[in-house]
Amino acid sequence: MATHTPQARMTNPAYLLADAGPAIQNLIKATRQGGVDEGILELVHLRASQINNCGFCVDYGAKSAKKNGVSDEKLFAVAAWREAPYFSDEERAALALAEAATRLADVSDAVPDEVWDAAADHFDEKQLAAIVLMVGVTNLFNRLNVTVRQPAGVGF
């Protein structure tokens, strides 16, 4: 059986440019100021990373989610959260918003009112800001890591 040992194309831009890494880390810290449960933010990060096929972020996100108390059942089923019984209505609303905001190019009304309103039923404006920011930062990380082929399970 052949072993796949991926190699990054270059040093990750977030760490190659001196001001980029700290700026991104500050954005991540800001997501924690919205009052959203850490587990929900971790699920949002993981789902967006799955959609974007970011192996590094999926690997990191699953480990981080586990450390933040997300159950194995949720980790194993997050890709099929609509069909799995493990998620609360609040988690489902956050995951739907994460998917819609990640798949902007897939439909003309990327984040429909139905998705937004469901999230707004569970989260206040500050919490919504944290979720939207988490989706944005995750998508940034996904695009950096996929472009440079940052290997999963390997530090920067």
N, C-alpha and C. Protein backbone atom coordinates (compact mmCIF):
# COMPACT_ATOMS: atom_id res chain seq x y z
N MET A 1 0.84 -1.17 0.00
CA MET A 1 0.00 0.00 0.00
C MET A 1 0.89 1.24 0.00
N ALA A 2 0.62 2.14 -0.91
CA ALA A 2 1.41 3.37 -1.02
C ALA A 2 1.03 4.34 0.10
N THR A 3 2.02 5.05 0.58
CA THR A 3 1.79 6.06 1.61
C THR A 3 1.73 7.42 0.94
N HIS A 4 0.73 8.18 1.30
CA HIS A 4 0.57 9.53 0.76
C HIS A 4 1.16 10.53 1.76
N THR A 5 2.22 11.19 1.37
CA THR A 5 2.85 12.18 2.23
C THR A 5 2.76 13.54 1.53
N PRO A 6 1.70 14.26 1.80
CA PRO A 6 1.54 15.56 1.12
C PRO A 6 2.59 16.56 1.57
N GLN A 7 2.95 17.42 0.67
CA GLN A 7 3.91 18.47 0.94
C GLN A 7 3.26 19.81 0.62
N ALA A 8 3.44 20.77 1.49
CA ALA A 8 2.93 22.11 1.22
C ALA A 8 3.75 22.72 0.08
N ARG A 9 3.09 23.50 -0.75
CA ARG A 9 3.76 24.17 -1.85
C ARG A 9 4.70 25.27 -1.37
N MET A 10 4.30 25.88 -0.26
CA MET A 10 5.08 26.99 0.30
C MET A 10 4.66 27.17 1.75
N THR A 11 5.36 28.02 2.45
CA THR A 11 4.95 28.37 3.80
C THR A 11 3.60 29.06 3.72
N ASN A 12 2.73 28.74 4.65
CA ASN A 12 1.39 29.32 4.66
C ASN A 12 1.49 30.84 4.70
N PRO A 13 0.78 31.54 3.81
CA PRO A 13 0.85 33.01 3.77
C PRO A 13 0.51 33.68 5.10
N ALA A 14 -0.34 33.06 5.90
CA ALA A 14 -0.70 33.64 7.19
C ALA A 14 0.50 33.71 8.13
N TYR A 15 1.50 32.91 7.88
CA TYR A 15 2.68 32.89 8.72
C TYR A 15 3.91 33.41 8.01
N LEU A 16 3.84 33.52 6.71
CA LEU A 16 4.96 34.05 5.94
C LEU A 16 5.01 35.58 6.02
N LEU A 17 3.85 36.20 6.01
CA LEU A 17 3.77 37.66 6.12
C LEU A 17 3.53 38.01 7.58
N ALA A 18 4.43 38.77 8.15
CA ALA A 18 4.47 39.00 9.60
C ALA A 18 3.16 39.49 10.21
N ASP A 19 2.44 40.36 9.54
CA ASP A 19 1.23 40.93 10.12
C ASP A 19 -0.02 40.08 9.89
N ALA A 20 0.04 39.12 8.97
CA ALA A 20 -1.14 38.35 8.60
C ALA A 20 -1.58 37.40 9.72
N GLY A 21 -0.67 36.61 10.23
CA GLY A 21 -1.02 35.62 11.26
C GLY A 21 -1.67 36.24 12.50
N PRO A 22 -1.04 37.27 13.09
CA PRO A 22 -1.66 37.90 14.26
C PRO A 22 -3.02 38.53 13.94
N ALA A 23 -3.18 39.10 12.76
CA ALA A 23 -4.46 39.69 12.39
C ALA A 23 -5.55 38.63 12.32
N ILE A 24 -5.23 37.48 11.72
CA ILE A 24 -6.20 36.39 11.63
C ILE A 24 -6.50 35.83 13.02
N GLN A 25 -5.48 35.68 13.84
CA GLN A 25 -5.70 35.19 15.20
C GLN A 25 -6.60 36.14 16.00
N ASN A 26 -6.45 37.44 15.77
CA ASN A 26 -7.33 38.41 16.44
C ASN A 26 -8.77 38.27 15.97
N LEU A 27 -8.97 37.95 14.70
CA LEU A 27 -10.33 37.70 14.21
C LEU A 27 -10.92 36.47 14.89
N ILE A 28 -10.12 35.44 15.03
CA ILE A 28 -10.60 34.23 15.70
C ILE A 28 -10.96 34.54 17.15
N LYS A 29 -10.13 35.31 17.82
CA LYS A 29 -10.43 35.70 19.20
C LYS A 29 -11.74 36.50 19.25
N ALA A 30 -11.97 37.32 18.26
CA ALA A 30 -13.19 38.13 18.23
C ALA A 30 -14.43 37.25 18.13
N THR A 31 -14.34 36.11 17.46
CA THR A 31 -15.50 35.23 17.35
C THR A 31 -15.92 34.70 18.72
N ARG A 32 -14.99 34.67 19.65
CA ARG A 32 -15.29 34.17 21.00
C ARG A 32 -15.96 35.24 21.86
N GLN A 33 -16.10 36.44 21.35
CA GLN A 33 -16.70 37.54 22.11
C GLN A 33 -18.20 37.69 21.87
N GLY A 34 -18.77 36.81 21.07
CA GLY A 34 -20.18 36.94 20.74
C GLY A 34 -21.12 36.17 21.63
N GLY A 35 -20.57 35.35 22.52
CA GLY A 35 -21.43 34.60 23.42
C GLY A 35 -22.01 33.32 22.83
N VAL A 36 -21.42 32.85 21.74
CA VAL A 36 -21.87 31.60 21.13
C VAL A 36 -21.10 30.45 21.77
N ASP A 37 -21.79 29.37 22.07
CA ASP A 37 -21.17 28.18 22.62
C ASP A 37 -19.99 27.75 21.74
N GLU A 38 -18.85 27.45 22.41
CA GLU A 38 -17.64 27.04 21.67
C GLU A 38 -17.90 25.85 20.75
N GLY A 39 -18.70 24.91 21.23
CA GLY A 39 -19.00 23.73 20.41
C GLY A 39 -19.69 24.09 19.11
N ILE A 40 -20.58 25.05 19.15
CA ILE A 40 -21.28 25.49 17.94
C ILE A 40 -20.29 26.15 16.98
N LEU A 41 -19.42 27.00 17.50
CA LEU A 41 -18.42 27.62 16.63
C LEU A 41 -17.50 26.57 16.00
N GLU A 42 -17.17 25.55 16.78
CA GLU A 42 -16.32 24.47 16.25
C GLU A 42 -17.04 23.69 15.15
N LEU A 43 -18.34 23.42 15.34
CA LEU A 43 -19.11 22.72 14.32
C LEU A 43 -19.21 23.55 13.04
N VAL A 44 -19.41 24.85 13.19
CA VAL A 44 -19.48 25.76 12.04
C VAL A 44 -18.15 25.71 11.28
N HIS A 45 -17.05 25.79 12.00
CA HIS A 45 -15.72 25.74 11.37
C HIS A 45 -15.53 24.41 10.64
N LEU A 46 -15.89 23.33 11.30
CA LEU A 46 -15.69 22.01 10.72
C LEU A 46 -16.53 21.83 9.46
N ARG A 47 -17.79 22.25 9.51
CA ARG A 47 -18.66 22.06 8.34
C ARG A 47 -18.20 22.89 7.15
N ALA A 48 -17.84 24.15 7.37
CA ALA A 48 -17.35 24.97 6.27
C ALA A 48 -16.07 24.37 5.69
N SER A 49 -15.21 23.85 6.54
CA SER A 49 -13.96 23.24 6.08
C SER A 49 -14.22 21.97 5.27
N GLN A 50 -15.23 21.20 5.66
CA GLN A 50 -15.60 20.02 4.87
C GLN A 50 -16.06 20.43 3.48
N ILE A 51 -16.92 21.43 3.42
CA ILE A 51 -17.45 21.90 2.13
C ILE A 51 -16.31 22.34 1.22
N ASN A 52 -15.32 23.01 1.80
CA ASN A 52 -14.20 23.54 1.01
C ASN A 52 -13.07 22.54 0.80
N ASN A 53 -13.26 21.31 1.26
CA ASN A 53 -12.25 20.26 1.09
C ASN A 53 -10.89 20.64 1.63
N CYS A 54 -10.87 21.28 2.78
CA CYS A 54 -9.62 21.67 3.41
C CYS A 54 -9.24 20.60 4.42
N GLY A 55 -8.39 19.68 4.00
CA GLY A 55 -7.99 18.58 4.87
C GLY A 55 -7.34 19.05 6.16
N PHE A 56 -6.48 20.06 6.06
CA PHE A 56 -5.84 20.59 7.26
C PHE A 56 -6.88 21.10 8.25
N CYS A 57 -7.83 21.90 7.77
CA CYS A 57 -8.83 22.50 8.66
C CYS A 57 -9.83 21.48 9.19
N VAL A 58 -10.15 20.46 8.40
CA VAL A 58 -11.04 19.40 8.88
C VAL A 58 -10.35 18.65 10.01
N ASP A 59 -9.10 18.29 9.80
CA ASP A 59 -8.34 17.57 10.82
C ASP A 59 -8.21 18.43 12.08
N TYR A 60 -7.76 19.65 11.92
CA TYR A 60 -7.59 20.55 13.06
C TYR A 60 -8.94 20.84 13.72
N GLY A 61 -9.96 21.08 12.90
CA GLY A 61 -11.28 21.41 13.42
C GLY A 61 -11.90 20.28 14.22
N ALA A 62 -11.74 19.05 13.75
CA ALA A 62 -12.29 17.91 14.48
C ALA A 62 -11.60 17.75 15.83
N LYS A 63 -10.29 17.91 15.85
CA LYS A 63 -9.54 17.80 17.11
C LYS A 63 -9.92 18.93 18.07
N SER A 64 -10.05 20.13 17.54
CA SER A 64 -10.42 21.27 18.37
C SER A 64 -11.84 21.12 18.90
N ALA A 65 -12.74 20.65 18.06
CA ALA A 65 -14.12 20.44 18.49
C ALA A 65 -14.18 19.41 19.61
N LYS A 66 -13.44 18.35 19.46
CA LYS A 66 -13.39 17.30 20.49
C LYS A 66 -12.89 17.89 21.81
N LYS A 67 -11.83 18.71 21.75
CA LYS A 67 -11.30 19.35 22.96
C LYS A 67 -12.31 20.29 23.60
N ASN A 68 -13.21 20.84 22.79
CA ASN A 68 -14.22 21.77 23.29
C ASN A 68 -15.55 21.09 23.60
N GLY A 69 -15.52 19.77 23.75
CA GLY A 69 -16.68 19.05 24.24
C GLY A 69 -17.68 18.57 23.21
N VAL A 70 -17.37 18.69 21.92
CA VAL A 70 -18.29 18.18 20.90
C VAL A 70 -18.21 16.66 20.90
N SER A 71 -19.36 16.00 20.96
CA SER A 71 -19.42 14.54 21.05
C SER A 71 -18.94 13.87 19.77
N ASP A 72 -18.49 12.63 19.93
CA ASP A 72 -18.07 11.84 18.77
C ASP A 72 -19.21 11.70 17.77
N GLU A 73 -20.44 11.50 18.26
CA GLU A 73 -21.58 11.34 17.36
C GLU A 73 -21.73 12.56 16.46
N LYS A 74 -21.59 13.74 17.03
CA LYS A 74 -21.70 14.96 16.22
C LYS A 74 -20.53 15.09 15.25
N LEU A 75 -19.33 14.77 15.72
CA LEU A 75 -18.16 14.85 14.83
C LEU A 75 -18.30 13.90 13.65
N PHE A 76 -18.79 12.69 13.92
CA PHE A 76 -18.93 11.70 12.85
C PHE A 76 -20.06 12.05 11.89
N ALA A 77 -21.05 12.81 12.35
CA ALA A 77 -22.24 13.06 11.55
C ALA A 77 -22.37 14.49 11.02
N VAL A 78 -21.42 15.36 11.31
CA VAL A 78 -21.60 16.77 10.95
C VAL A 78 -21.78 16.95 9.44
N ALA A 79 -21.17 16.13 8.64
CA ALA A 79 -21.33 16.26 7.18
C ALA A 79 -22.75 15.94 6.74
N ALA A 80 -23.47 15.18 7.56
CA ALA A 80 -24.86 14.81 7.26
C ALA A 80 -25.77 15.28 8.39
N TRP A 81 -25.55 16.47 8.88
CA TRP A 81 -26.27 16.97 10.06
C TRP A 81 -27.78 17.02 9.87
N ARG A 82 -28.23 17.22 8.64
CA ARG A 82 -29.68 17.29 8.40
C ARG A 82 -30.36 15.95 8.68
N GLU A 83 -29.66 14.87 8.43
CA GLU A 83 -30.24 13.53 8.59
C GLU A 83 -29.92 12.90 9.93
N ALA A 84 -29.02 13.51 10.71
CA ALA A 84 -28.58 12.92 11.97
C ALA A 84 -29.40 13.47 13.15
N PRO A 85 -29.68 12.64 14.12
CA PRO A 85 -30.53 13.06 15.25
C PRO A 85 -29.77 13.78 16.37
N TYR A 86 -28.47 13.97 16.23
CA TYR A 86 -27.65 14.42 17.34
C TYR A 86 -27.61 15.93 17.58
N PHE A 87 -28.14 16.71 16.65
CA PHE A 87 -27.96 18.15 16.69
C PHE A 87 -29.20 18.87 17.20
N SER A 88 -28.97 19.88 18.02
CA SER A 88 -30.07 20.71 18.53
C SER A 88 -30.57 21.65 17.42
N ASP A 89 -31.71 22.24 17.63
CA ASP A 89 -32.24 23.21 16.67
C ASP A 89 -31.27 24.39 16.51
N GLU A 90 -30.66 24.79 17.59
CA GLU A 90 -29.69 25.88 17.57
C GLU A 90 -28.48 25.51 16.71
N GLU A 91 -27.95 24.32 16.91
CA GLU A 91 -26.82 23.85 16.11
C GLU A 91 -27.20 23.74 14.64
N ARG A 92 -28.38 23.24 14.36
CA ARG A 92 -28.84 23.12 12.98
C ARG A 92 -28.95 24.48 12.30
N ALA A 93 -29.44 25.48 13.03
CA ALA A 93 -29.55 26.82 12.47
C ALA A 93 -28.17 27.39 12.15
N ALA A 94 -27.22 27.18 13.05
CA ALA A 94 -25.85 27.65 12.82
C ALA A 94 -25.20 26.91 11.65
N LEU A 95 -25.41 25.61 11.56
CA LEU A 95 -24.83 24.84 10.46
C LEU A 95 -25.45 25.24 9.12
N ALA A 96 -26.74 25.48 9.09
CA ALA A 96 -27.38 25.92 7.84
C ALA A 96 -26.82 27.27 7.40
N LEU A 97 -26.65 28.18 8.35
CA LEU A 97 -26.07 29.48 8.03
C LEU A 97 -24.64 29.33 7.54
N ALA A 98 -23.86 28.48 8.19
CA ALA A 98 -22.48 28.24 7.77
C ALA A 98 -22.42 27.69 6.34
N GLU A 99 -23.28 26.74 6.05
CA GLU A 99 -23.30 26.17 4.69
C GLU A 99 -23.68 27.22 3.65
N ALA A 100 -24.72 27.97 3.93
CA ALA A 100 -25.18 28.98 2.97
C ALA A 100 -24.11 30.04 2.73
N ALA A 101 -23.48 30.50 3.81
CA ALA A 101 -22.46 31.55 3.68
C ALA A 101 -21.16 31.04 3.07
N THR A 102 -20.97 29.74 3.09
CA THR A 102 -19.78 29.14 2.47
C THR A 102 -20.02 28.88 0.98
N ARG A 103 -21.24 28.53 0.62
CA ARG A 103 -21.56 28.18 -0.78
C ARG A 103 -22.15 29.38 -1.52
N LEU A 104 -21.54 30.51 -1.42
CA LEU A 104 -22.07 31.75 -2.00
C LEU A 104 -22.29 31.66 -3.51
N ALA A 105 -21.43 30.97 -4.20
CA ALA A 105 -21.52 30.93 -5.66
C ALA A 105 -22.49 29.87 -6.18
N ASP A 106 -23.03 29.04 -5.29
CA ASP A 106 -23.87 27.92 -5.74
C ASP A 106 -25.28 28.32 -6.14
N VAL A 107 -25.81 29.40 -5.56
CA VAL A 107 -27.17 29.83 -5.87
C VAL A 107 -27.23 31.36 -5.89
N SER A 108 -28.24 31.91 -6.55
CA SER A 108 -28.32 33.36 -6.66
C SER A 108 -28.70 34.03 -5.34
N ASP A 109 -29.50 33.39 -4.52
CA ASP A 109 -29.85 33.91 -3.20
C ASP A 109 -29.09 33.08 -2.17
N ALA A 110 -27.80 33.40 -2.04
CA ALA A 110 -26.88 32.53 -1.30
C ALA A 110 -27.29 32.30 0.15
N VAL A 111 -27.71 33.33 0.84
CA VAL A 111 -28.15 33.18 2.22
C VAL A 111 -29.60 33.63 2.26
N PRO A 112 -30.52 32.72 1.96
CA PRO A 112 -31.93 33.10 1.89
C PRO A 112 -32.50 33.51 3.25
N ASP A 113 -33.55 34.29 3.21
CA ASP A 113 -34.19 34.76 4.44
C ASP A 113 -34.56 33.60 5.36
N GLU A 114 -35.00 32.50 4.80
CA GLU A 114 -35.39 31.33 5.60
C GLU A 114 -34.23 30.85 6.48
N VAL A 115 -33.03 30.80 5.92
CA VAL A 115 -31.85 30.37 6.67
C VAL A 115 -31.48 31.42 7.71
N TRP A 116 -31.47 32.69 7.28
CA TRP A 116 -31.13 33.77 8.19
C TRP A 116 -32.13 33.85 9.35
N ASP A 117 -33.41 33.80 9.03
CA ASP A 117 -34.45 33.92 10.05
C ASP A 117 -34.38 32.77 11.06
N ALA A 118 -34.07 31.57 10.58
CA ALA A 118 -33.94 30.43 11.50
C ALA A 118 -32.77 30.67 12.46
N ALA A 119 -31.68 31.19 11.95
CA ALA A 119 -30.53 31.49 12.82
C ALA A 119 -30.89 32.61 13.79
N ALA A 120 -31.58 33.63 13.30
CA ALA A 120 -31.96 34.77 14.15
C ALA A 120 -32.96 34.37 15.23
N ASP A 121 -33.68 33.28 15.03
CA ASP A 121 -34.58 32.77 16.06
C ASP A 121 -33.81 32.21 17.26
N HIS A 122 -32.55 31.81 17.03
CA HIS A 122 -31.75 31.18 18.08
C HIS A 122 -30.61 32.04 18.60
N PHE A 123 -30.21 33.03 17.83
CA PHE A 123 -29.04 33.83 18.19
C PHE A 123 -29.36 35.31 18.10
N ASP A 124 -28.83 36.09 19.04
CA ASP A 124 -29.00 37.54 18.96
C ASP A 124 -27.99 38.11 17.96
N GLU A 125 -28.03 39.41 17.77
CA GLU A 125 -27.20 40.03 16.74
C GLU A 125 -25.71 39.83 17.00
N LYS A 126 -25.28 39.93 18.23
CA LYS A 126 -23.86 39.75 18.56
C LYS A 126 -23.45 38.30 18.30
N GLN A 127 -24.30 37.36 18.62
CA GLN A 127 -24.01 35.96 18.37
C GLN A 127 -23.98 35.67 16.86
N LEU A 128 -24.92 36.26 16.14
CA LEU A 128 -24.90 36.10 14.68
C LEU A 128 -23.61 36.66 14.09
N ALA A 129 -23.17 37.80 14.62
CA ALA A 129 -21.91 38.40 14.16
C ALA A 129 -20.76 37.42 14.38
N ALA A 130 -20.73 36.76 15.53
CA ALA A 130 -19.66 35.80 15.82
C ALA A 130 -19.71 34.62 14.86
N ILE A 131 -20.90 34.12 14.58
CA ILE A 131 -21.02 32.99 13.65
C ILE A 131 -20.61 33.39 12.24
N VAL A 132 -21.10 34.53 11.78
CA VAL A 132 -20.75 35.00 10.43
C VAL A 132 -19.24 35.24 10.33
N LEU A 133 -18.66 35.84 11.36
CA LEU A 133 -17.21 36.06 11.36
C LEU A 133 -16.46 34.74 11.37
N MET A 134 -16.93 33.76 12.13
CA MET A 134 -16.29 32.44 12.15
C MET A 134 -16.34 31.80 10.76
N VAL A 135 -17.47 31.91 10.10
CA VAL A 135 -17.58 31.36 8.74
C VAL A 135 -16.59 32.06 7.81
N GLY A 136 -16.50 33.38 7.92
CA GLY A 136 -15.58 34.13 7.07
C GLY A 136 -14.13 33.78 7.33
N VAL A 137 -13.74 33.70 8.58
CA VAL A 137 -12.35 33.35 8.93
C VAL A 137 -12.05 31.92 8.49
N THR A 138 -12.99 31.03 8.69
CA THR A 138 -12.81 29.64 8.25
C THR A 138 -12.61 29.58 6.75
N ASN A 139 -13.43 30.28 6.01
CA ASN A 139 -13.29 30.28 4.56
C ASN A 139 -11.95 30.88 4.13
N LEU A 140 -11.47 31.89 4.85
CA LEU A 140 -10.14 32.43 4.57
C LEU A 140 -9.08 31.37 4.80
N PHE A 141 -9.12 30.73 5.97
CA PHE A 141 -8.15 29.67 6.25
C PHE A 141 -8.24 28.55 5.23
N ASN A 142 -9.45 28.15 4.87
CA ASN A 142 -9.62 27.08 3.88
C ASN A 142 -8.95 27.44 2.57
N ARG A 143 -9.16 28.66 2.12
CA ARG A 143 -8.59 29.09 0.85
C ARG A 143 -7.07 29.16 0.90
N LEU A 144 -6.53 29.62 2.01
CA LEU A 144 -5.07 29.64 2.15
C LEU A 144 -4.52 28.22 2.14
N ASN A 145 -5.09 27.36 2.98
CA ASN A 145 -4.56 26.02 3.14
C ASN A 145 -4.74 25.15 1.91
N VAL A 146 -5.88 25.25 1.24
CA VAL A 146 -6.09 24.46 0.03
C VAL A 146 -5.15 24.93 -1.07
N THR A 147 -4.98 26.22 -1.22
CA THR A 147 -4.12 26.77 -2.28
C THR A 147 -2.67 26.34 -2.12
N VAL A 148 -2.15 26.38 -0.89
CA VAL A 148 -0.76 26.00 -0.68
C VAL A 148 -0.60 24.51 -0.38
N ARG A 149 -1.73 23.80 -0.34
CA ARG A 149 -1.76 22.36 -0.05
C ARG A 149 -1.16 22.03 1.31
N GLN A 150 -1.60 22.79 2.31
CA GLN A 150 -1.14 22.55 3.68
C GLN A 150 -1.60 21.15 4.10
N PRO A 151 -0.67 20.24 4.41
CA PRO A 151 -1.07 18.88 4.75
C PRO A 151 -1.82 18.79 6.08
N ALA A 152 -2.78 17.90 6.12
CA ALA A 152 -3.50 17.63 7.36
C ALA A 152 -2.58 16.94 8.35
N GLY A 153 -2.80 17.23 9.62
CA GLY A 153 -2.05 16.57 10.67
C GLY A 153 -0.62 17.06 10.84
N VAL A 154 -0.27 18.13 10.13
CA VAL A 154 1.07 18.68 10.19
C VAL A 154 0.97 20.15 10.58
N GLY A 155 1.78 20.56 11.51
CA GLY A 155 1.79 21.97 11.91
C GLY A 155 2.36 22.85 10.82
N PHE A 156 2.22 24.15 11.01
CA PHE A 156 2.76 25.09 10.01
C PHE A 156 4.24 25.15 10.09
